[in-house]
Every structure is written in structure tokens, then in C-alpha cells.
Amino acid sequence: STRNLDKLPSLTAYLTASPKFGIWAPQASIGFMKQWLTITSNDKQVRLNSPIPTASLNNSFSLPKGFLLTLDANFQGKGNQQNVELTDHQFVVNLGVTKSFFDDRLSVVLKGHDLFHGRTMDIKAYNDRLNIYQFSRWDTRELELTVRYKFNTAKNRYKGTGAGQGEINRM
């Protein structure tokens, strides 16, 4: 019979850095998700304790004439999550370009997602009397076009000084 787990001890940790070097603004992140779980599947004890490593490097380049170039790479390794074993790693690369017009009120974004077709689903799911093996590779590559216009943008933003000065003078 199926039963819910009473508890699932786990730990998630990430380290992120976001320096800026001239026109280049990278954001690097590395981490892992780790759980401690032993279940019974088909009358056998199954330990699902392998951590899932992850890493990403998201890059943006501020170019002349209002252009912004983005290049993002994301990695997820093999490991266990709940009653599922991820049996293959994923590596996904996205590329985009943004162009701003009219004092940043209009922006056009063109993005390519999963350029090298690295996103897959390759899993084993462990249940009480049934194990499911699934391998899926579908076309996750996409081309995205976004056009955004900001209406009624404030030209002069509040700078944090002089608030209530009229009231102070009145007193």
C-alpha cells in the first residue's frame, strides 16, 4: 500500500557571486540539494541519498546603443529527489539580446532557449510495488520574442531627501 513519508530530512546550500567587470555582469552560482531517505520498493530497501549538484553562470553584457546581450548556462547533475532518481545530467544554454528604445520605455527581447538541446528527463521513480523508468527527449529549443512598452513612466523619481520639509518649515 502507498503511504506518505513522516519526514524527509534534506539540506540545500548555494554559493553565489555577482561581480561586475565593465560591460560584463556575470552571476555565478554553485550548490547542491541533498536528502536522507531510505524507502521500501518491491520488498527491497532503496537508499535515495545522492545529492543533486547544480551550477549556473548567467552573463549580461551592456553594449552600446541600448543593446543588452545575455548568455546563460545551467547544469543539473544526477542525484535523488524524494522517491525519484535523476539518472542523467542536464546542461542548458540560453542566449538573448535586448534593445531599448524611447528612453527605455520600449524594449524588444529576442531569446533562444536550450540552444544545444540539453534538457531531458531521465528518471527512475520508486514506489511500493512499482518502479517507473522514464526517458523523455522532446524538443525544448525555443525562440522567444517579447515586446514591452512601459506606460506613464515617471521622469523624476523621488531621491529620498526633503520629505516633510514643508511641514517642518510650517512648525
N, C-alpha and C. Protein backbone atom coordinates (compact mmCIF):
# COMPACT_ATOMS: atom_id res chain seq x y z
N SER A 1 0.84 -1.20 0.00
CA SER A 1 0.00 0.00 0.00
C SER A 1 0.87 1.25 0.00
N THR A 2 0.31 2.33 -0.46
CA THR A 2 1.03 3.60 -0.52
C THR A 2 0.89 4.33 0.80
N ARG A 3 1.98 4.97 1.22
CA ARG A 3 1.92 5.77 2.45
C ARG A 3 2.77 7.01 2.27
N ASN A 4 2.38 8.05 2.97
CA ASN A 4 3.16 9.28 2.96
C ASN A 4 4.35 9.14 3.89
N LEU A 5 5.40 9.83 3.60
CA LEU A 5 6.57 9.84 4.47
C LEU A 5 6.30 10.73 5.67
N ASP A 6 6.73 10.28 6.84
CA ASP A 6 6.57 11.10 8.05
C ASP A 6 7.46 12.33 7.99
N LYS A 7 8.66 12.16 7.45
CA LYS A 7 9.60 13.28 7.36
C LYS A 7 10.57 12.99 6.22
N LEU A 8 11.19 14.03 5.74
CA LEU A 8 12.19 13.90 4.69
C LEU A 8 13.30 14.90 4.98
N PRO A 9 14.30 14.47 5.78
CA PRO A 9 15.39 15.39 6.09
C PRO A 9 16.18 15.74 4.83
N SER A 10 16.47 17.03 4.67
CA SER A 10 17.21 17.46 3.49
C SER A 10 18.01 18.71 3.80
N LEU A 11 18.95 18.98 2.93
CA LEU A 11 19.81 20.15 3.05
C LEU A 11 20.00 20.73 1.65
N THR A 12 19.85 22.05 1.54
CA THR A 12 20.11 22.76 0.29
C THR A 12 21.09 23.88 0.59
N ALA A 13 22.14 23.98 -0.20
CA ALA A 13 23.14 25.04 0.01
C ALA A 13 23.59 25.58 -1.34
N TYR A 14 23.73 26.90 -1.39
CA TYR A 14 24.19 27.57 -2.61
C TYR A 14 25.18 28.66 -2.26
N LEU A 15 26.10 28.89 -3.17
CA LEU A 15 27.05 29.98 -3.07
C LEU A 15 26.95 30.76 -4.38
N THR A 16 26.74 32.08 -4.26
CA THR A 16 26.52 32.91 -5.44
C THR A 16 27.44 34.12 -5.40
N ALA A 17 27.96 34.49 -6.55
CA ALA A 17 28.77 35.71 -6.68
C ALA A 17 28.26 36.50 -7.88
N SER A 18 28.19 37.83 -7.71
CA SER A 18 27.71 38.72 -8.77
C SER A 18 28.63 39.92 -8.95
N PRO A 19 29.84 39.72 -9.46
CA PRO A 19 30.73 40.86 -9.68
C PRO A 19 30.34 41.61 -10.95
N LYS A 20 30.99 42.71 -11.20
CA LYS A 20 30.78 43.47 -12.44
C LYS A 20 32.14 43.90 -12.96
N PHE A 21 32.39 43.64 -14.24
CA PHE A 21 33.65 43.98 -14.88
C PHE A 21 33.35 44.79 -16.13
N GLY A 22 33.29 46.10 -16.01
CA GLY A 22 32.99 46.94 -17.16
C GLY A 22 31.61 46.65 -17.71
N ILE A 23 31.54 46.22 -18.97
CA ILE A 23 30.24 45.94 -19.60
C ILE A 23 29.70 44.56 -19.22
N TRP A 24 30.53 43.71 -18.61
CA TRP A 24 30.16 42.33 -18.30
C TRP A 24 29.70 42.22 -16.85
N ALA A 25 28.51 41.66 -16.65
CA ALA A 25 27.97 41.43 -15.31
C ALA A 25 27.60 39.95 -15.18
N PRO A 26 28.55 39.11 -14.73
CA PRO A 26 28.24 37.69 -14.55
C PRO A 26 27.58 37.44 -13.20
N GLN A 27 26.82 36.37 -13.13
CA GLN A 27 26.31 35.87 -11.86
C GLN A 27 26.56 34.36 -11.85
N ALA A 28 27.47 33.94 -10.97
CA ALA A 28 27.83 32.53 -10.88
C ALA A 28 27.23 31.95 -9.61
N SER A 29 26.71 30.75 -9.73
CA SER A 29 26.09 30.09 -8.58
C SER A 29 26.43 28.61 -8.63
N ILE A 30 26.74 28.06 -7.48
CA ILE A 30 27.02 26.62 -7.37
C ILE A 30 26.38 26.13 -6.08
N GLY A 31 25.85 24.92 -6.13
CA GLY A 31 25.20 24.42 -4.93
C GLY A 31 24.79 22.97 -5.09
N PHE A 32 24.01 22.52 -4.11
CA PHE A 32 23.52 21.15 -4.14
C PHE A 32 22.26 21.03 -3.30
N MET A 33 21.51 19.97 -3.60
CA MET A 33 20.36 19.57 -2.80
C MET A 33 20.64 18.14 -2.35
N LYS A 34 20.52 17.88 -1.06
CA LYS A 34 20.84 16.56 -0.51
C LYS A 34 19.71 16.14 0.41
N GLN A 35 19.28 14.90 0.29
CA GLN A 35 18.27 14.35 1.19
C GLN A 35 18.79 13.06 1.80
N TRP A 36 18.16 12.65 2.88
CA TRP A 36 18.46 11.38 3.53
C TRP A 36 17.17 10.59 3.57
N LEU A 37 17.10 9.57 2.69
CA LEU A 37 15.85 8.83 2.56
C LEU A 37 16.15 7.37 2.21
N THR A 38 15.52 6.46 2.93
CA THR A 38 15.52 5.04 2.60
C THR A 38 14.06 4.61 2.56
N ILE A 39 13.67 3.98 1.44
CA ILE A 39 12.29 3.52 1.29
C ILE A 39 12.30 2.04 0.93
N THR A 40 11.14 1.43 1.00
CA THR A 40 10.97 0.04 0.57
C THR A 40 10.25 0.04 -0.77
N SER A 41 10.87 -0.61 -1.76
CA SER A 41 10.28 -0.72 -3.08
C SER A 41 10.47 -2.16 -3.55
N ASN A 42 9.38 -2.82 -3.89
CA ASN A 42 9.41 -4.23 -4.30
C ASN A 42 10.12 -5.09 -3.26
N ASP A 43 9.79 -4.86 -2.00
CA ASP A 43 10.33 -5.60 -0.85
C ASP A 43 11.83 -5.46 -0.67
N LYS A 44 12.43 -4.41 -1.23
CA LYS A 44 13.86 -4.15 -1.06
C LYS A 44 14.04 -2.74 -0.52
N GLN A 45 15.08 -2.57 0.30
CA GLN A 45 15.42 -1.24 0.80
C GLN A 45 16.15 -0.47 -0.30
N VAL A 46 15.70 0.73 -0.57
CA VAL A 46 16.33 1.58 -1.58
C VAL A 46 16.77 2.87 -0.90
N ARG A 47 18.07 3.14 -0.99
CA ARG A 47 18.61 4.38 -0.42
C ARG A 47 18.64 5.45 -1.50
N LEU A 48 17.98 6.55 -1.22
CA LEU A 48 17.91 7.67 -2.16
C LEU A 48 18.59 8.88 -1.52
N ASN A 49 19.90 8.77 -1.36
CA ASN A 49 20.66 9.77 -0.61
C ASN A 49 21.66 10.56 -1.46
N SER A 50 21.67 10.34 -2.76
CA SER A 50 22.67 11.02 -3.60
C SER A 50 22.31 12.49 -3.78
N PRO A 51 23.27 13.39 -3.55
CA PRO A 51 22.99 14.81 -3.73
C PRO A 51 22.85 15.17 -5.21
N ILE A 52 22.13 16.24 -5.48
CA ILE A 52 21.99 16.76 -6.84
C ILE A 52 22.81 18.04 -6.93
N PRO A 53 23.93 18.01 -7.67
CA PRO A 53 24.72 19.24 -7.82
C PRO A 53 24.10 20.14 -8.89
N THR A 54 24.20 21.44 -8.67
CA THR A 54 23.73 22.41 -9.66
C THR A 54 24.75 23.53 -9.78
N ALA A 55 24.81 24.10 -10.96
CA ALA A 55 25.69 25.25 -11.19
C ALA A 55 25.08 26.09 -12.31
N SER A 56 25.30 27.38 -12.23
CA SER A 56 24.84 28.26 -13.30
C SER A 56 25.81 29.42 -13.46
N LEU A 57 25.89 29.89 -14.68
CA LEU A 57 26.66 31.09 -14.99
C LEU A 57 25.80 31.92 -15.93
N ASN A 58 25.24 32.99 -15.38
CA ASN A 58 24.40 33.90 -16.15
C ASN A 58 25.20 35.16 -16.44
N ASN A 59 25.31 35.49 -17.70
CA ASN A 59 26.13 36.62 -18.14
C ASN A 59 25.27 37.66 -18.83
N SER A 60 25.50 38.92 -18.51
CA SER A 60 24.88 40.00 -19.28
C SER A 60 25.97 40.99 -19.68
N PHE A 61 25.85 41.46 -20.91
CA PHE A 61 26.82 42.39 -21.48
C PHE A 61 26.06 43.63 -21.93
N SER A 62 26.35 44.77 -21.29
CA SER A 62 25.73 46.05 -21.67
C SER A 62 26.51 46.63 -22.84
N LEU A 63 25.87 46.65 -23.99
CA LEU A 63 26.52 47.08 -25.22
C LEU A 63 26.06 48.49 -25.60
N PRO A 64 26.79 49.14 -26.47
CA PRO A 64 26.39 50.49 -26.90
C PRO A 64 25.04 50.50 -27.60
N LYS A 65 24.46 51.68 -27.69
CA LYS A 65 23.20 51.93 -28.40
C LYS A 65 22.02 51.17 -27.81
N GLY A 66 22.03 50.94 -26.49
CA GLY A 66 20.88 50.35 -25.82
C GLY A 66 20.73 48.85 -25.98
N PHE A 67 21.77 48.15 -26.38
CA PHE A 67 21.71 46.69 -26.53
C PHE A 67 22.19 46.01 -25.25
N LEU A 68 21.54 44.90 -24.90
CA LEU A 68 21.95 44.06 -23.79
C LEU A 68 22.00 42.62 -24.31
N LEU A 69 23.14 41.97 -24.17
CA LEU A 69 23.32 40.58 -24.60
C LEU A 69 23.37 39.70 -23.36
N THR A 70 22.61 38.60 -23.36
CA THR A 70 22.64 37.66 -22.24
C THR A 70 23.03 36.28 -22.74
N LEU A 71 23.86 35.60 -21.97
CA LEU A 71 24.28 34.24 -22.25
C LEU A 71 24.26 33.49 -20.93
N ASP A 72 23.36 32.52 -20.81
CA ASP A 72 23.17 31.80 -19.55
C ASP A 72 23.42 30.31 -19.76
N ALA A 73 24.13 29.70 -18.82
CA ALA A 73 24.40 28.26 -18.85
C ALA A 73 24.01 27.68 -17.50
N ASN A 74 23.24 26.59 -17.51
CA ASN A 74 22.77 25.95 -16.29
C ASN A 74 23.04 24.46 -16.35
N PHE A 75 23.55 23.92 -15.23
CA PHE A 75 23.86 22.49 -15.13
C PHE A 75 23.12 21.91 -13.93
N GLN A 76 22.55 20.73 -14.12
CA GLN A 76 21.99 19.95 -13.01
C GLN A 76 22.48 18.53 -13.15
N GLY A 77 23.10 18.00 -12.10
CA GLY A 77 23.67 16.67 -12.15
C GLY A 77 22.70 15.58 -11.75
N LYS A 78 23.21 14.37 -11.74
CA LYS A 78 22.44 13.21 -11.31
C LYS A 78 22.26 13.26 -9.80
N GLY A 79 21.24 12.57 -9.29
CA GLY A 79 21.03 12.50 -7.85
C GLY A 79 19.61 12.07 -7.53
N ASN A 80 19.22 12.24 -6.27
CA ASN A 80 17.90 11.82 -5.80
C ASN A 80 17.11 12.99 -5.26
N GLN A 81 15.81 12.97 -5.58
CA GLN A 81 14.87 13.95 -5.04
C GLN A 81 13.58 13.21 -4.72
N GLN A 82 13.22 13.21 -3.44
CA GLN A 82 12.08 12.45 -2.93
C GLN A 82 12.26 10.99 -3.34
N ASN A 83 11.26 10.37 -4.00
CA ASN A 83 11.38 8.96 -4.38
C ASN A 83 11.87 8.79 -5.82
N VAL A 84 12.54 9.81 -6.36
CA VAL A 84 12.96 9.81 -7.76
C VAL A 84 14.48 9.87 -7.85
N GLU A 85 15.03 9.06 -8.75
CA GLU A 85 16.46 9.12 -9.07
C GLU A 85 16.62 9.77 -10.43
N LEU A 86 17.33 10.90 -10.47
CA LEU A 86 17.66 11.55 -11.74
C LEU A 86 18.88 10.84 -12.28
N THR A 87 18.74 10.15 -13.42
CA THR A 87 19.81 9.27 -13.89
C THR A 87 20.68 9.88 -14.98
N ASP A 88 20.42 11.13 -15.34
CA ASP A 88 21.26 11.81 -16.32
C ASP A 88 21.35 13.28 -15.95
N HIS A 89 22.42 13.91 -16.37
CA HIS A 89 22.58 15.33 -16.07
C HIS A 89 21.94 16.16 -17.19
N GLN A 90 21.72 17.44 -16.88
CA GLN A 90 21.19 18.38 -17.86
C GLN A 90 22.13 19.56 -17.97
N PHE A 91 22.30 20.03 -19.18
CA PHE A 91 23.11 21.23 -19.42
C PHE A 91 22.36 22.08 -20.43
N VAL A 92 21.92 23.25 -20.01
CA VAL A 92 21.07 24.10 -20.83
C VAL A 92 21.75 25.45 -21.05
N VAL A 93 21.77 25.90 -22.30
CA VAL A 93 22.35 27.20 -22.66
C VAL A 93 21.27 28.04 -23.34
N ASN A 94 21.13 29.28 -22.87
CA ASN A 94 20.18 30.24 -23.44
C ASN A 94 20.96 31.48 -23.88
N LEU A 95 20.49 32.10 -24.96
CA LEU A 95 21.13 33.30 -25.49
C LEU A 95 20.04 34.30 -25.83
N GLY A 96 20.27 35.57 -25.46
CA GLY A 96 19.27 36.59 -25.75
C GLY A 96 19.89 37.93 -26.04
N VAL A 97 19.11 38.76 -26.73
CA VAL A 97 19.53 40.14 -26.98
C VAL A 97 18.31 41.04 -26.73
N THR A 98 18.57 42.16 -26.06
CA THR A 98 17.53 43.14 -25.76
C THR A 98 17.95 44.48 -26.34
N LYS A 99 17.00 45.16 -26.94
CA LYS A 99 17.25 46.51 -27.46
C LYS A 99 16.19 47.43 -26.87
N SER A 100 16.63 48.54 -26.29
CA SER A 100 15.72 49.52 -25.69
C SER A 100 15.59 50.73 -26.60
N PHE A 101 14.38 51.30 -26.59
CA PHE A 101 14.08 52.49 -27.39
C PHE A 101 13.33 53.50 -26.52
N PHE A 102 13.28 54.75 -26.98
CA PHE A 102 12.49 55.82 -26.36
C PHE A 102 12.75 55.94 -24.86
N ASP A 103 14.00 56.20 -24.50
CA ASP A 103 14.39 56.35 -23.09
C ASP A 103 13.97 55.15 -22.25
N ASP A 104 14.16 53.97 -22.77
CA ASP A 104 13.89 52.71 -22.07
C ASP A 104 12.40 52.43 -21.86
N ARG A 105 11.52 53.16 -22.55
CA ARG A 105 10.09 52.88 -22.42
C ARG A 105 9.68 51.67 -23.26
N LEU A 106 10.35 51.44 -24.38
CA LEU A 106 10.06 50.31 -25.25
C LEU A 106 11.27 49.39 -25.28
N SER A 107 11.03 48.10 -25.07
CA SER A 107 12.13 47.13 -25.19
C SER A 107 11.66 45.94 -26.02
N VAL A 108 12.59 45.43 -26.81
CA VAL A 108 12.35 44.25 -27.64
C VAL A 108 13.39 43.22 -27.23
N VAL A 109 12.91 42.02 -26.88
CA VAL A 109 13.79 40.95 -26.41
C VAL A 109 13.65 39.76 -27.36
N LEU A 110 14.77 39.26 -27.85
CA LEU A 110 14.80 38.05 -28.66
C LEU A 110 15.68 37.04 -27.93
N LYS A 111 15.10 35.87 -27.57
CA LYS A 111 15.83 34.87 -26.79
C LYS A 111 15.74 33.51 -27.45
N GLY A 112 16.85 32.80 -27.41
CA GLY A 112 16.88 31.40 -27.81
C GLY A 112 17.09 30.56 -26.56
N HIS A 113 16.19 29.59 -26.34
CA HIS A 113 16.25 28.74 -25.15
C HIS A 113 16.76 27.34 -25.50
N ASP A 114 17.58 26.78 -24.64
CA ASP A 114 18.11 25.41 -24.77
C ASP A 114 18.73 25.19 -26.16
N LEU A 115 19.69 26.02 -26.48
CA LEU A 115 20.27 26.03 -27.83
C LEU A 115 20.88 24.69 -28.24
N PHE A 116 21.46 23.95 -27.30
CA PHE A 116 22.14 22.70 -27.64
C PHE A 116 21.33 21.47 -27.27
N HIS A 117 20.03 21.68 -26.99
CA HIS A 117 19.11 20.57 -26.72
C HIS A 117 19.57 19.70 -25.56
N GLY A 118 19.91 20.35 -24.46
CA GLY A 118 20.45 19.62 -23.31
C GLY A 118 19.46 19.26 -22.24
N ARG A 119 18.20 19.69 -22.37
CA ARG A 119 17.19 19.40 -21.34
C ARG A 119 16.54 18.05 -21.66
N THR A 120 16.62 17.13 -20.73
CA THR A 120 16.00 15.82 -20.89
C THR A 120 15.32 15.44 -19.58
N MET A 121 14.54 14.37 -19.62
CA MET A 121 14.01 13.78 -18.41
C MET A 121 14.38 12.31 -18.44
N ASP A 122 15.26 11.91 -17.55
CA ASP A 122 15.74 10.53 -17.48
C ASP A 122 15.68 10.15 -16.01
N ILE A 123 14.61 9.45 -15.62
CA ILE A 123 14.37 9.21 -14.19
C ILE A 123 13.98 7.76 -13.92
N LYS A 124 14.17 7.38 -12.65
CA LYS A 124 13.59 6.17 -12.09
C LYS A 124 12.77 6.62 -10.89
N ALA A 125 11.51 6.26 -10.86
CA ALA A 125 10.64 6.59 -9.72
C ALA A 125 10.36 5.30 -8.96
N TYR A 126 10.67 5.30 -7.68
CA TYR A 126 10.50 4.12 -6.84
C TYR A 126 9.21 4.25 -6.04
N ASN A 127 8.35 3.24 -6.15
CA ASN A 127 7.11 3.18 -5.39
C ASN A 127 7.05 1.85 -4.67
N ASP A 128 6.00 1.62 -3.92
CA ASP A 128 5.91 0.42 -3.09
C ASP A 128 6.03 -0.85 -3.92
N ARG A 129 5.23 -1.00 -4.94
CA ARG A 129 5.23 -2.22 -5.76
C ARG A 129 5.51 -1.97 -7.23
N LEU A 130 5.90 -0.75 -7.57
CA LEU A 130 6.06 -0.40 -8.96
C LEU A 130 7.22 0.56 -9.11
N ASN A 131 8.12 0.25 -10.02
CA ASN A 131 9.19 1.18 -10.37
C ASN A 131 8.92 1.68 -11.78
N ILE A 132 9.08 2.97 -11.96
CA ILE A 132 8.83 3.58 -13.27
C ILE A 132 10.15 4.11 -13.81
N TYR A 133 10.48 3.72 -15.02
CA TYR A 133 11.66 4.23 -15.71
C TYR A 133 11.16 5.10 -16.86
N GLN A 134 11.60 6.32 -16.91
CA GLN A 134 11.13 7.22 -17.97
C GLN A 134 12.31 7.97 -18.56
N PHE A 135 12.40 7.91 -19.87
CA PHE A 135 13.38 8.71 -20.60
C PHE A 135 12.62 9.51 -21.64
N SER A 136 12.68 10.82 -21.54
CA SER A 136 11.98 11.68 -22.48
C SER A 136 12.96 12.68 -23.06
N ARG A 137 12.93 12.81 -24.35
CA ARG A 137 13.72 13.85 -25.01
C ARG A 137 12.78 14.50 -26.02
N TRP A 138 12.29 15.65 -25.66
CA TRP A 138 11.43 16.41 -26.55
C TRP A 138 12.17 17.66 -26.96
N ASP A 139 11.67 18.31 -27.97
CA ASP A 139 12.36 19.50 -28.47
C ASP A 139 12.05 20.68 -27.56
N THR A 140 12.97 21.00 -26.68
CA THR A 140 12.79 22.11 -25.74
C THR A 140 13.41 23.39 -26.25
N ARG A 141 13.97 23.34 -27.44
CA ARG A 141 14.54 24.56 -28.02
C ARG A 141 13.40 25.50 -28.39
N GLU A 142 13.57 26.78 -28.03
CA GLU A 142 12.53 27.76 -28.31
C GLU A 142 13.16 29.06 -28.77
N LEU A 143 12.39 29.79 -29.53
CA LEU A 143 12.74 31.16 -29.90
C LEU A 143 11.63 32.04 -29.36
N GLU A 144 11.99 33.01 -28.54
CA GLU A 144 11.00 33.85 -27.85
C GLU A 144 11.21 35.31 -28.25
N LEU A 145 10.13 35.98 -28.58
CA LEU A 145 10.16 37.40 -28.89
C LEU A 145 9.21 38.11 -27.93
N THR A 146 9.73 39.09 -27.20
CA THR A 146 8.93 39.88 -26.26
C THR A 146 9.06 41.35 -26.62
N VAL A 147 7.92 42.01 -26.74
CA VAL A 147 7.89 43.46 -26.95
C VAL A 147 7.18 44.06 -25.74
N ARG A 148 7.85 44.96 -25.05
CA ARG A 148 7.32 45.53 -23.81
C ARG A 148 7.34 47.06 -23.91
N TYR A 149 6.22 47.68 -23.55
CA TYR A 149 6.14 49.14 -23.51
C TYR A 149 5.71 49.55 -22.11
N LYS A 150 6.43 50.49 -21.52
CA LYS A 150 6.11 51.00 -20.18
C LYS A 150 5.33 52.29 -20.33
N PHE A 151 4.07 52.29 -19.91
CA PHE A 151 3.22 53.47 -19.96
C PHE A 151 3.45 54.33 -18.73
N ASN A 152 3.32 55.63 -18.88
CA ASN A 152 3.36 56.58 -17.76
C ASN A 152 4.57 56.40 -16.87
N THR A 153 5.73 56.30 -17.46
CA THR A 153 6.94 56.18 -16.64
C THR A 153 7.28 57.54 -16.04
N ALA A 154 7.61 57.55 -14.77
CA ALA A 154 7.94 58.79 -14.07
C ALA A 154 9.30 59.29 -14.55
N LYS A 155 9.37 60.56 -14.90
CA LYS A 155 10.64 61.13 -15.36
C LYS A 155 11.54 61.48 -14.19
N ASN A 156 10.97 62.04 -13.12
CA ASN A 156 11.75 62.41 -11.94
C ASN A 156 11.33 61.50 -10.80
N ARG A 157 12.22 60.69 -10.37
CA ARG A 157 11.92 59.78 -9.27
C ARG A 157 12.33 60.42 -7.95
N TYR A 158 11.61 60.07 -6.89
CA TYR A 158 11.91 60.56 -5.55
C TYR A 158 13.30 60.10 -5.14
N LYS A 159 14.12 60.99 -4.64
CA LYS A 159 15.52 60.70 -4.33
C LYS A 159 15.77 60.51 -2.84
N GLY A 160 14.75 60.66 -2.01
CA GLY A 160 14.92 60.39 -0.58
C GLY A 160 15.33 61.59 0.24
N THR A 161 15.20 62.80 -0.28
CA THR A 161 15.53 64.00 0.51
C THR A 161 14.37 64.96 0.44
N GLY A 162 14.22 65.76 1.48
CA GLY A 162 13.22 66.81 1.51
C GLY A 162 11.82 66.34 1.86
N ALA A 163 11.66 65.08 2.25
CA ALA A 163 10.34 64.59 2.61
C ALA A 163 9.88 65.29 3.88
N GLY A 164 8.73 65.91 3.83
CA GLY A 164 8.18 66.58 5.01
C GLY A 164 8.80 67.93 5.30
N GLN A 165 9.62 68.44 4.41
CA GLN A 165 10.29 69.72 4.67
C GLN A 165 9.27 70.84 4.82
N GLY A 166 8.18 70.81 4.06
CA GLY A 166 7.14 71.83 4.18
C GLY A 166 6.51 71.82 5.55
N GLU A 167 6.29 70.64 6.11
CA GLU A 167 5.71 70.53 7.46
C GLU A 167 6.68 71.05 8.52
N ILE A 168 7.96 70.77 8.36
CA ILE A 168 8.96 71.25 9.33
C ILE A 168 9.02 72.77 9.29
N ASN A 169 9.00 73.36 8.10
CA ASN A 169 9.03 74.81 7.98
C ASN A 169 7.78 75.44 8.58
N ARG A 170 6.63 74.80 8.45
CA ARG A 170 5.38 75.32 8.99
C ARG A 170 5.43 75.42 10.50
N MET A 171 6.14 74.50 11.16
CA MET A 171 6.22 74.49 12.62
C MET A 171 7.17 75.55 13.06
